[in-house]
Amino acid sequence: TYWGFIALIVIKGVFYSMGISAWVLVPITMPIMLAGIEAN
């Protein structure tokens, strides 16, 4: 969804701007991303 997609990107940006690696979200985001491109 638009707001879900944007929220995930912005949250990663907020973390990064505070010096927190976005890798903290990878266990959640990576499986979703890989499943998404597999469907594409």
PDB file of all heavy atoms in Angstrom:
ATOM      1  N   THR A   1       0.861  -1.188   0.000  1.00  0.00           N
ATOM      2  CA  THR A   1       0.000   0.000   0.000  1.00  0.00           C
ATOM      3  C   THR A   1       0.896   1.236   0.000  1.00  0.00           C
ATOM      4  O   THR A   1       2.056   1.168   0.437  1.00  0.00           O
ATOM      5  CB  THR A   1      -0.906   0.042   1.248  1.00  0.00           C
ATOM      6  OG1 THR A   1      -0.094   0.196   2.417  1.00  0.00           O
ATOM      7  CG2 THR A   1      -1.740  -1.231   1.360  1.00  0.00           C
ATOM      8  N   TYR A   2       0.362   2.351  -0.462  1.00  0.00           N
ATOM      9  CA  TYR A   2       1.184   3.566  -0.530  1.00  0.00           C
ATOM     10  C   TYR A   2       1.722   3.946   0.848  1.00  0.00           C
ATOM     11  O   TYR A   2       2.927   4.150   1.020  1.00  0.00           O
ATOM     12  CB  TYR A   2       0.380   4.730  -1.119  1.00  0.00           C
ATOM     13  CG  TYR A   2       1.105   6.061  -0.997  1.00  0.00           C
ATOM     14  CD1 TYR A   2       2.206   6.337  -1.793  1.00  0.00           C
ATOM     15  CD2 TYR A   2       0.701   7.018  -0.060  1.00  0.00           C
ATOM     16  CE1 TYR A   2       2.894   7.530  -1.674  1.00  0.00           C
ATOM     17  CE2 TYR A   2       1.376   8.216   0.068  1.00  0.00           C
ATOM     18  CZ  TYR A   2       2.473   8.471  -0.742  1.00  0.00           C
ATOM     19  OH  TYR A   2       3.155   9.650  -0.613  1.00  0.00           O
ATOM     20  N   TRP A   3       0.826   4.040   1.844  1.00  0.00           N
ATOM     21  CA  TRP A   3       1.255   4.508   3.160  1.00  0.00           C
ATOM     22  C   TRP A   3       2.153   3.492   3.856  1.00  0.00           C
ATOM     23  O   TRP A   3       3.097   3.860   4.573  1.00  0.00           O
ATOM     24  CB  TRP A   3       0.045   4.856   4.031  1.00  0.00           C
ATOM     25  CG  TRP A   3      -0.648   6.100   3.555  1.00  0.00           C
ATOM     26  CD1 TRP A   3      -1.893   6.205   3.006  1.00  0.00           C
ATOM     27  CD2 TRP A   3      -0.099   7.430   3.537  1.00  0.00           C
ATOM     28  NE1 TRP A   3      -2.171   7.507   2.651  1.00  0.00           N
ATOM     29  CE2 TRP A   3      -1.080   8.280   2.964  1.00  0.00           C
ATOM     30  CE3 TRP A   3       1.116   7.987   3.946  1.00  0.00           C
ATOM     31  CZ2 TRP A   3      -0.892   9.648   2.805  1.00  0.00           C
ATOM     32  CZ3 TRP A   3       1.317   9.356   3.783  1.00  0.00           C
ATOM     33  CH2 TRP A   3       0.318  10.169   3.216  1.00  0.00           C
ATOM     34  N   GLY A   4       1.899   2.216   3.653  1.00  0.00           N
ATOM     35  CA  GLY A   4       2.774   1.193   4.226  1.00  0.00           C
ATOM     36  C   GLY A   4       4.154   1.242   3.608  1.00  0.00           C
ATOM     37  O   GLY A   4       5.179   1.177   4.307  1.00  0.00           O
ATOM     38  N   PHE A   5       4.192   1.361   2.282  1.00  0.00           N
ATOM     39  CA  PHE A   5       5.451   1.456   1.535  1.00  0.00           C
ATOM     40  C   PHE A   5       6.256   2.676   1.992  1.00  0.00           C
ATOM     41  O   PHE A   5       7.442   2.566   2.327  1.00  0.00           O
ATOM     42  CB  PHE A   5       5.125   1.549   0.042  1.00  0.00           C
ATOM     43  CG  PHE A   5       6.290   1.842  -0.850  1.00  0.00           C
ATOM     44  CD1 PHE A   5       7.279   0.897  -1.064  1.00  0.00           C
ATOM     45  CD2 PHE A   5       6.398   3.064  -1.500  1.00  0.00           C
ATOM     46  CE1 PHE A   5       8.350   1.163  -1.910  1.00  0.00           C
ATOM     47  CE2 PHE A   5       7.454   3.344  -2.338  1.00  0.00           C
ATOM     48  CZ  PHE A   5       8.442   2.389  -2.537  1.00  0.00           C
ATOM     49  N   ILE A   6       5.598   3.829   2.045  1.00  0.00           N
ATOM     50  CA  ILE A   6       6.268   5.067   2.439  1.00  0.00           C
ATOM     51  C   ILE A   6       6.738   4.996   3.882  1.00  0.00           C
ATOM     52  O   ILE A   6       7.860   5.422   4.219  1.00  0.00           O
ATOM     53  CB  ILE A   6       5.333   6.283   2.240  1.00  0.00           C
ATOM     54  CG1 ILE A   6       5.022   6.470   0.748  1.00  0.00           C
ATOM     55  CG2 ILE A   6       5.943   7.557   2.831  1.00  0.00           C
ATOM     56  CD1 ILE A   6       6.232   6.712  -0.130  1.00  0.00           C
ATOM     57  N   ALA A   7       5.900   4.450   4.770  1.00  0.00           N
ATOM     58  CA  ALA A   7       6.254   4.373   6.188  1.00  0.00           C
ATOM     59  C   ALA A   7       7.533   3.575   6.394  1.00  0.00           C
ATOM     60  O   ALA A   7       8.424   3.986   7.161  1.00  0.00           O
ATOM     61  CB  ALA A   7       5.106   3.745   6.983  1.00  0.00           C
ATOM     62  N   LEU A   8       7.654   2.445   5.700  1.00  0.00           N
ATOM     63  CA  LEU A   8       8.851   1.614   5.840  1.00  0.00           C
ATOM     64  C   LEU A   8      10.104   2.345   5.364  1.00  0.00           C
ATOM     65  O   LEU A   8      11.161   2.266   6.001  1.00  0.00           O
ATOM     66  CB  LEU A   8       8.672   0.306   5.066  1.00  0.00           C
ATOM     67  CG  LEU A   8       7.721  -0.716   5.712  1.00  0.00           C
ATOM     68  CD1 LEU A   8       7.362  -1.815   4.713  1.00  0.00           C
ATOM     69  CD2 LEU A   8       8.343  -1.320   6.958  1.00  0.00           C
ATOM     70  N   ILE A   9       9.985   3.077   4.254  1.00  0.00           N
ATOM     71  CA  ILE A   9      11.139   3.814   3.718  1.00  0.00           C
ATOM     72  C   ILE A   9      11.518   4.954   4.658  1.00  0.00           C
ATOM     73  O   ILE A   9      12.704   5.171   4.945  1.00  0.00           O
ATOM     74  CB  ILE A   9      10.831   4.388   2.311  1.00  0.00           C
ATOM     75  CG1 ILE A   9      10.310   3.304   1.364  1.00  0.00           C
ATOM     76  CG2 ILE A   9      12.068   5.069   1.734  1.00  0.00           C
ATOM     77  CD1 ILE A   9      11.179   2.096   1.247  1.00  0.00           C
ATOM     78  N   VAL A  10      10.532   5.681   5.159  1.00  0.00           N
ATOM     79  CA  VAL A  10      10.798   6.829   6.031  1.00  0.00           C
ATOM     80  C   VAL A  10      11.372   6.369   7.373  1.00  0.00           C
ATOM     81  O   VAL A  10      12.300   6.994   7.901  1.00  0.00           O
ATOM     82  CB  VAL A  10       9.517   7.667   6.242  1.00  0.00           C
ATOM     83  CG1 VAL A  10       9.723   8.717   7.334  1.00  0.00           C
ATOM     84  CG2 VAL A  10       9.112   8.343   4.932  1.00  0.00           C
ATOM     85  N   ILE A  11      10.840   5.284   7.923  1.00  0.00           N
ATOM     86  CA  ILE A  11      11.368   4.758   9.190  1.00  0.00           C
ATOM     87  C   ILE A  11      12.849   4.409   9.049  1.00  0.00           C
ATOM     88  O   ILE A  11      13.670   4.726   9.921  1.00  0.00           O
ATOM     89  CB  ILE A  11      10.554   3.527   9.651  1.00  0.00           C
ATOM     90  CG1 ILE A  11       9.171   3.960  10.135  1.00  0.00           C
ATOM     91  CG2 ILE A  11      11.282   2.779  10.770  1.00  0.00           C
ATOM     92  CD1 ILE A  11       8.199   2.824  10.345  1.00  0.00           C
ATOM     93  N   LYS A  12      13.203   3.766   7.941  1.00  0.00           N
ATOM     94  CA  LYS A  12      14.611   3.441   7.696  1.00  0.00           C
ATOM     95  C   LYS A  12      15.448   4.715   7.623  1.00  0.00           C
ATOM     96  O   LYS A  12      16.562   4.771   8.153  1.00  0.00           O
ATOM     97  CB  LYS A  12      14.747   2.646   6.394  1.00  0.00           C
ATOM     98  CG  LYS A  12      14.254   1.212   6.511  1.00  0.00           C
ATOM     99  CD  LYS A  12      14.115   0.544   5.160  1.00  0.00           C
ATOM    100  CE  LYS A  12      15.435   0.255   4.518  1.00  0.00           C
ATOM    101  NZ  LYS A  12      15.276  -0.510   3.247  1.00  0.00           N
ATOM    102  N   GLY A  13      14.901   5.759   6.975  1.00  0.00           N
ATOM    103  CA  GLY A  13      15.605   7.035   6.869  1.00  0.00           C
ATOM    104  C   GLY A  13      15.787   7.711   8.217  1.00  0.00           C
ATOM    105  O   GLY A  13      16.847   8.279   8.501  1.00  0.00           O
ATOM    106  N   VAL A  14      14.753   7.654   9.058  1.00  0.00           N
ATOM    107  CA  VAL A  14      14.832   8.237  10.404  1.00  0.00           C
ATOM    108  C   VAL A  14      15.912   7.530  11.215  1.00  0.00           C
ATOM    109  O   VAL A  14      16.754   8.172  11.866  1.00  0.00           O
ATOM    110  CB  VAL A  14      13.464   8.150  11.121  1.00  0.00           C
ATOM    111  CG1 VAL A  14      13.602   8.540  12.593  1.00  0.00           C
ATOM    112  CG2 VAL A  14      12.446   9.052  10.438  1.00  0.00           C
ATOM    113  N   PHE A  15      15.911   6.201  11.174  1.00  0.00           N
ATOM    114  CA  PHE A  15      16.930   5.438  11.896  1.00  0.00           C
ATOM    115  C   PHE A  15      18.327   5.807  11.416  1.00  0.00           C
ATOM    116  O   PHE A  15      19.240   6.035  12.221  1.00  0.00           O
ATOM    117  CB  PHE A  15      16.711   3.930  11.704  1.00  0.00           C
ATOM    118  CG  PHE A  15      15.614   3.350  12.550  1.00  0.00           C
ATOM    119  CD1 PHE A  15      15.254   2.022  12.430  1.00  0.00           C
ATOM    120  CD2 PHE A  15      14.921   4.125  13.462  1.00  0.00           C
ATOM    121  CE1 PHE A  15      14.249   1.468  13.209  1.00  0.00           C
ATOM    122  CE2 PHE A  15      13.907   3.592  14.239  1.00  0.00           C
ATOM    123  CZ  PHE A  15      13.571   2.258  14.114  1.00  0.00           C
ATOM    124  N   TYR A  16      18.477   5.858  10.091  1.00  0.00           N
ATOM    125  CA  TYR A  16      19.794   6.135   9.507  1.00  0.00           C
ATOM    126  C   TYR A  16      20.285   7.534   9.900  1.00  0.00           C
ATOM    127  O   TYR A  16      21.467   7.725  10.191  1.00  0.00           O
ATOM    128  CB  TYR A  16      19.714   5.999   7.995  1.00  0.00           C
ATOM    129  CG  TYR A  16      21.045   5.822   7.293  1.00  0.00           C
ATOM    130  CD1 TYR A  16      22.204   5.499   7.986  1.00  0.00           C
ATOM    131  CD2 TYR A  16      21.137   5.971   5.911  1.00  0.00           C
ATOM    132  CE1 TYR A  16      23.411   5.333   7.332  1.00  0.00           C
ATOM    133  CE2 TYR A  16      22.340   5.805   5.249  1.00  0.00           C
ATOM    134  CZ  TYR A  16      23.478   5.490   5.963  1.00  0.00           C
ATOM    135  OH  TYR A  16      24.669   5.331   5.317  1.00  0.00           O
ATOM    136  N   SER A  17      19.381   8.504   9.933  1.00  0.00           N
ATOM    137  CA  SER A  17      19.763   9.872  10.293  1.00  0.00           C
ATOM    138  C   SER A  17      20.186   9.979  11.754  1.00  0.00           C
ATOM    139  O   SER A  17      20.809  10.961  12.154  1.00  0.00           O
ATOM    140  CB  SER A  17      18.608  10.840  10.009  1.00  0.00           C
ATOM    141  OG  SER A  17      17.554  10.662  10.941  1.00  0.00           O
ATOM    142  N   MET A  18      19.839   8.963  12.558  1.00  0.00           N
ATOM    143  CA  MET A  18      20.251   8.922  13.964  1.00  0.00           C
ATOM    144  C   MET A  18      21.459   7.999  14.170  1.00  0.00           C
ATOM    145  O   MET A  18      21.834   7.696  15.295  1.00  0.00           O
ATOM    146  CB  MET A  18      19.086   8.457  14.842  1.00  0.00           C
ATOM    147  CG  MET A  18      17.906   9.405  14.843  1.00  0.00           C
ATOM    148  SD  MET A  18      16.663   8.992  16.082  1.00  0.00           S
ATOM    149  CE  MET A  18      16.153   7.364  15.554  1.00  0.00           C
ATOM    150  N   GLY A  19      22.022   7.519  13.068  1.00  0.00           N
ATOM    151  CA  GLY A  19      23.193   6.664  13.173  1.00  0.00           C
ATOM    152  C   GLY A  19      22.871   5.229  13.502  1.00  0.00           C
ATOM    153  O   GLY A  19      23.765   4.460  13.864  1.00  0.00           O
ATOM    154  N   ILE A  20      21.596   4.846  13.378  1.00  0.00           N
ATOM    155  CA  ILE A  20      21.173   3.469  13.656  1.00  0.00           C
ATOM    156  C   ILE A  20      21.051   2.734  12.326  1.00  0.00           C
ATOM    157  O   ILE A  20      20.319   3.166  11.440  1.00  0.00           O
ATOM    158  CB  ILE A  20      19.820   3.436  14.400  1.00  0.00           C
ATOM    159  CG1 ILE A  20      19.915   4.206  15.719  1.00  0.00           C
ATOM    160  CG2 ILE A  20      19.369   2.006  14.640  1.00  0.00           C
ATOM    161  CD1 ILE A  20      18.578   4.468  16.367  1.00  0.00           C
ATOM    162  N   SER A  21      21.757   1.644  12.207  1.00  0.00           N
ATOM    163  CA  SER A  21      21.740   0.898  10.948  1.00  0.00           C
ATOM    164  C   SER A  21      20.342   0.385  10.632  1.00  0.00           C
ATOM    165  O   SER A  21      19.650  -0.160  11.501  1.00  0.00           O
ATOM    166  CB  SER A  21      22.711  -0.282  11.031  1.00  0.00           C
ATOM    167  OG  SER A  21      22.578  -1.107   9.897  1.00  0.00           O
ATOM    168  N   ALA A  22      19.932   0.572   9.387  1.00  0.00           N
ATOM    169  CA  ALA A  22      18.628   0.058   8.940  1.00  0.00           C
ATOM    170  C   ALA A  22      18.601  -1.462   8.924  1.00  0.00           C
ATOM    171  O   ALA A  22      17.542  -2.061   8.725  1.00  0.00           O
ATOM    172  CB  ALA A  22      18.309   0.612   7.549  1.00  0.00           C
ATOM    173  N   TRP A  23      19.749  -2.084   9.173  1.00  0.00           N
ATOM    174  CA  TRP A  23      19.800  -3.549   9.228  1.00  0.00           C
ATOM    175  C   TRP A  23      18.961  -4.105  10.364  1.00  0.00           C
ATOM    176  O   TRP A  23      18.634  -5.293  10.380  1.00  0.00           O
ATOM    177  CB  TRP A  23      21.249  -4.019   9.374  1.00  0.00           C
ATOM    178  CG  TRP A  23      21.919  -4.169   8.058  1.00  0.00           C
ATOM    179  CD1 TRP A  23      22.639  -3.229   7.387  1.00  0.00           C
ATOM    180  CD2 TRP A  23      21.908  -5.329   7.222  1.00  0.00           C
ATOM    181  NE1 TRP A  23      23.073  -3.726   6.185  1.00  0.00           N
ATOM    182  CE2 TRP A  23      22.653  -5.015   6.061  1.00  0.00           C
ATOM    183  CE3 TRP A  23      21.351  -6.591   7.336  1.00  0.00           C
ATOM    184  CZ2 TRP A  23      22.838  -5.917   5.034  1.00  0.00           C
ATOM    185  CZ3 TRP A  23      21.539  -7.501   6.313  1.00  0.00           C
ATOM    186  CH2 TRP A  23      22.286  -7.158   5.174  1.00  0.00           C
ATOM    187  N   VAL A  24      18.610  -3.241  11.339  1.00  0.00           N
ATOM    188  CA  VAL A  24      17.743  -3.699  12.420  1.00  0.00           C
ATOM    189  C   VAL A  24      16.391  -4.168  11.880  1.00  0.00           C
ATOM    190  O   VAL A  24      15.709  -4.998  12.474  1.00  0.00           O
ATOM    191  CB  VAL A  24      17.564  -2.579  13.482  1.00  0.00           C
ATOM    192  CG1 VAL A  24      16.704  -1.446  12.962  1.00  0.00           C
ATOM    193  CG2 VAL A  24      16.988  -3.150  14.781  1.00  0.00           C
ATOM    194  N   LEU A  25      15.991  -3.637  10.712  1.00  0.00           N
ATOM    195  CA  LEU A  25      14.707  -3.991  10.097  1.00  0.00           C
ATOM    196  C   LEU A  25      14.818  -5.116   9.074  1.00  0.00           C
ATOM    197  O   LEU A  25      13.796  -5.619   8.601  1.00  0.00           O
ATOM    198  CB  LEU A  25      14.107  -2.754   9.411  1.00  0.00           C
ATOM    199  CG  LEU A  25      13.760  -1.560  10.307  1.00  0.00           C
ATOM    200  CD1 LEU A  25      13.334  -0.370   9.461  1.00  0.00           C
ATOM    201  CD2 LEU A  25      12.675  -1.916  11.300  1.00  0.00           C
ATOM    202  N   VAL A  26      16.042  -5.499   8.743  1.00  0.00           N
ATOM    203  CA  VAL A  26      16.254  -6.473   7.663  1.00  0.00           C
ATOM    204  C   VAL A  26      15.557  -7.814   7.904  1.00  0.00           C
ATOM    205  O   VAL A  26      15.002  -8.395   6.961  1.00  0.00           O
ATOM    206  CB  VAL A  26      17.769  -6.655   7.407  1.00  0.00           C
ATOM    207  CG1 VAL A  26      18.060  -7.939   6.650  1.00  0.00           C
ATOM    208  CG2 VAL A  26      18.291  -5.468   6.610  1.00  0.00           C
ATOM    209  N   PRO A  27      15.554  -8.353   9.145  1.00  0.00           N
ATOM    210  CA  PRO A  27      14.843  -9.624   9.338  1.00  0.00           C
ATOM    211  C   PRO A  27      13.371  -9.572   8.949  1.00  0.00           C
ATOM    212  O   PRO A  27      12.766 -10.594   8.647  1.00  0.00           O
ATOM    213  CB  PRO A  27      14.998  -9.870  10.851  1.00  0.00           C
ATOM    214  CG  PRO A  27      16.260  -9.178  11.214  1.00  0.00           C
ATOM    215  CD  PRO A  27      16.283  -7.944  10.358  1.00  0.00           C
ATOM    216  N   ILE A  28      12.787  -8.362   8.954  1.00  0.00           N
ATOM    217  CA  ILE A  28      11.390  -8.205   8.548  1.00  0.00           C
ATOM    218  C   ILE A  28      11.292  -7.849   7.067  1.00  0.00           C
ATOM    219  O   ILE A  28      10.507  -8.434   6.323  1.00  0.00           O
ATOM    220  CB  ILE A  28      10.697  -7.107   9.391  1.00  0.00           C
ATOM    221  CG1 ILE A  28      10.681  -7.511  10.875  1.00  0.00           C
ATOM    222  CG2 ILE A  28       9.273  -6.851   8.901  1.00  0.00           C
ATOM    223  CD1 ILE A  28      10.249  -6.407  11.800  1.00  0.00           C
ATOM    224  N   THR A  29      12.112  -6.875   6.636  1.00  0.00           N
ATOM    225  CA  THR A  29      11.956  -6.332   5.279  1.00  0.00           C
ATOM    226  C   THR A  29      12.531  -7.231   4.186  1.00  0.00           C
ATOM    227  O   THR A  29      11.958  -7.318   3.100  1.00  0.00           O
ATOM    228  CB  THR A  29      12.607  -4.938   5.176  1.00  0.00           C
ATOM    229  OG1 THR A  29      14.005  -5.030   5.518  1.00  0.00           O
ATOM    230  CG2 THR A  29      11.926  -3.956   6.120  1.00  0.00           C
ATOM    231  N   MET A  30      13.660  -7.897   4.457  1.00  0.00           N
ATOM    232  CA  MET A  30      14.306  -8.684   3.405  1.00  0.00           C
ATOM    233  C   MET A  30      13.424  -9.821   2.883  1.00  0.00           C
ATOM    234  O   MET A  30      13.288  -9.988   1.659  1.00  0.00           O
ATOM    235  CB  MET A  30      15.657  -9.217   3.887  1.00  0.00           C
ATOM    236  CG  MET A  30      16.426 -10.002   2.832  1.00  0.00           C
ATOM    237  SD  MET A  30      16.873  -9.005   1.369  1.00  0.00           S
ATOM    238  CE  MET A  30      18.315  -8.147   1.971  1.00  0.00           C
ATOM    239  N   PRO A  31      12.791 -10.631   3.756  1.00  0.00           N
ATOM    240  CA  PRO A  31      11.908 -11.682   3.222  1.00  0.00           C
ATOM    241  C   PRO A  31      10.765 -11.128   2.383  1.00  0.00           C
ATOM    242  O   PRO A  31      10.385 -11.724   1.370  1.00  0.00           O
ATOM    243  CB  PRO A  31      11.376 -12.369   4.488  1.00  0.00           C
ATOM    244  CG  PRO A  31      12.402 -12.093   5.538  1.00  0.00           C
ATOM    245  CD  PRO A  31      12.914 -10.725   5.220  1.00  0.00           C
ATOM    246  N   ILE A  32      10.208  -9.969   2.797  1.00  0.00           N
ATOM    247  CA  ILE A  32       9.109  -9.355   2.044  1.00  0.00           C
ATOM    248  C   ILE A  32       9.606  -8.907   0.666  1.00  0.00           C
ATOM    249  O   ILE A  32       8.962  -9.144  -0.355  1.00  0.00           O
ATOM    250  CB  ILE A  32       8.513  -8.159   2.806  1.00  0.00           C
ATOM    251  CG1 ILE A  32       7.919  -8.613   4.141  1.00  0.00           C
ATOM    252  CG2 ILE A  32       7.435  -7.468   1.971  1.00  0.00           C
ATOM    253  CD1 ILE A  32       7.491  -7.464   5.035  1.00  0.00           C
ATOM    254  N   MET A  33      10.777  -8.266   0.649  1.00  0.00           N
ATOM    255  CA  MET A  33      11.338  -7.774  -0.613  1.00  0.00           C
ATOM    256  C   MET A  33      11.642  -8.912  -1.580  1.00  0.00           C
ATOM    257  O   MET A  33      11.334  -8.839  -2.771  1.00  0.00           O
ATOM    258  CB  MET A  33      12.613  -6.970  -0.340  1.00  0.00           C
ATOM    259  CG  MET A  33      12.366  -5.581   0.207  1.00  0.00           C
ATOM    260  SD  MET A  33      13.923  -4.670   0.370  1.00  0.00           S
ATOM    261  CE  MET A  33      13.346  -2.987   0.167  1.00  0.00           C
ATOM    262  N   LEU A  34      12.250  -9.969  -1.056  1.00  0.00           N
ATOM    263  CA  LEU A  34      12.627 -11.091  -1.925  1.00  0.00           C
ATOM    264  C   LEU A  34      11.403 -11.838  -2.445  1.00  0.00           C
ATOM    265  O   LEU A  34      11.363 -12.243  -3.609  1.00  0.00           O
ATOM    266  CB  LEU A  34      13.557 -12.038  -1.163  1.00  0.00           C
ATOM    267  CG  LEU A  34      14.949 -11.478  -0.843  1.00  0.00           C
ATOM    268  CD1 LEU A  34      15.733 -12.450   0.021  1.00  0.00           C
ATOM    269  CD2 LEU A  34      15.727 -11.151  -2.113  1.00  0.00           C
ATOM    270  N   ALA A  35      10.407 -12.007  -1.584  1.00  0.00           N
ATOM    271  CA  ALA A  35       9.161 -12.652  -2.035  1.00  0.00           C
ATOM    272  C   ALA A  35       8.465 -11.791  -3.081  1.00  0.00           C
ATOM    273  O   ALA A  35       7.880 -12.302  -4.045  1.00  0.00           O
ATOM    274  CB  ALA A  35       8.240 -12.891  -0.846  1.00  0.00           C
ATOM    275  N   GLY A  36       8.551 -10.470  -2.903  1.00  0.00           N
ATOM    276  CA  GLY A  36       7.929  -9.537  -3.846  1.00  0.00           C
ATOM    277  C   GLY A  36       8.540  -9.615  -5.230  1.00  0.00           C
ATOM    278  O   GLY A  36       7.823  -9.690  -6.233  1.00  0.00           O
ATOM    279  N   ILE A  37       9.876  -9.626  -5.287  1.00  0.00           N
ATOM    280  CA  ILE A  37      10.523  -9.665  -6.607  1.00  0.00           C
ATOM    281  C   ILE A  37      10.362 -11.043  -7.240  1.00  0.00           C
ATOM    282  O   ILE A  37      10.277 -11.153  -8.465  1.00  0.00           O
ATOM    283  CB  ILE A  37      12.019  -9.266  -6.516  1.00  0.00           C
ATOM    284  CG1 ILE A  37      12.581  -8.983  -7.922  1.00  0.00           C
ATOM    285  CG2 ILE A  37      12.844 -10.324  -5.822  1.00  0.00           C
ATOM    286  CD1 ILE A  37      11.907  -7.871  -8.675  1.00  0.00           C
ATOM    287  N   GLU A  38      10.282 -12.089  -6.406  1.00  0.00           N
ATOM    288  CA  GLU A  38      10.049 -13.437  -6.948  1.00  0.00           C
ATOM    289  C   GLU A  38       8.690 -13.502  -7.649  1.00  0.00           C
ATOM    290  O   GLU A  38       8.557 -14.106  -8.718  1.00  0.00           O
ATOM    291  CB  GLU A  38      10.119 -14.469  -5.817  1.00  0.00           C
ATOM    292  CG  GLU A  38      10.244 -15.897  -6.309  1.00  0.00           C
ATOM    293  CD  GLU A  38      10.530 -16.874  -5.189  1.00  0.00           C
ATOM    294  OE1 GLU A  38       9.608 -17.138  -4.390  1.00  0.00           O
ATOM    295  OE2 GLU A  38      11.662 -17.369  -5.097  1.00  0.00           O
ATOM    296  N   ALA A  39       7.678 -12.851  -7.053  1.00  0.00           N
ATOM    297  CA  ALA A  39       6.348 -12.802  -7.667  1.00  0.00           C
ATOM    298  C   ALA A  39       6.375 -11.976  -8.949  1.00  0.00           C
ATOM    299  O   ALA A  39       5.710 -12.314  -9.940  1.00  0.00           O
ATOM    300  CB  ALA A  39       5.333 -12.229  -6.683  1.00  0.00           C
ATOM    301  N   ASN A  40       7.168 -10.882  -8.952  1.00  0.00           N
ATOM    302  CA  ASN A  40       7.304 -10.062 -10.159  1.00  0.00           C
ATOM    303  C   ASN A  40       7.940 -10.859 -11.297  1.00  0.00           C
ATOM    304  O   ASN A  40       7.513 -10.779 -12.452  1.00  0.00           O
ATOM    305  CB  ASN A  40       8.151  -8.822  -9.868  1.00  0.00           C
ATOM    306  CG  ASN A  40       7.422  -7.784  -9.035  1.00  0.00           C
ATOM    307  OD1 ASN A  40       6.305  -8.015  -8.586  1.00  0.00           O
ATOM    308  ND2 ASN A  40       8.056  -6.645  -8.809  1.00  0.00           N
TER     309      ASN A  40
END
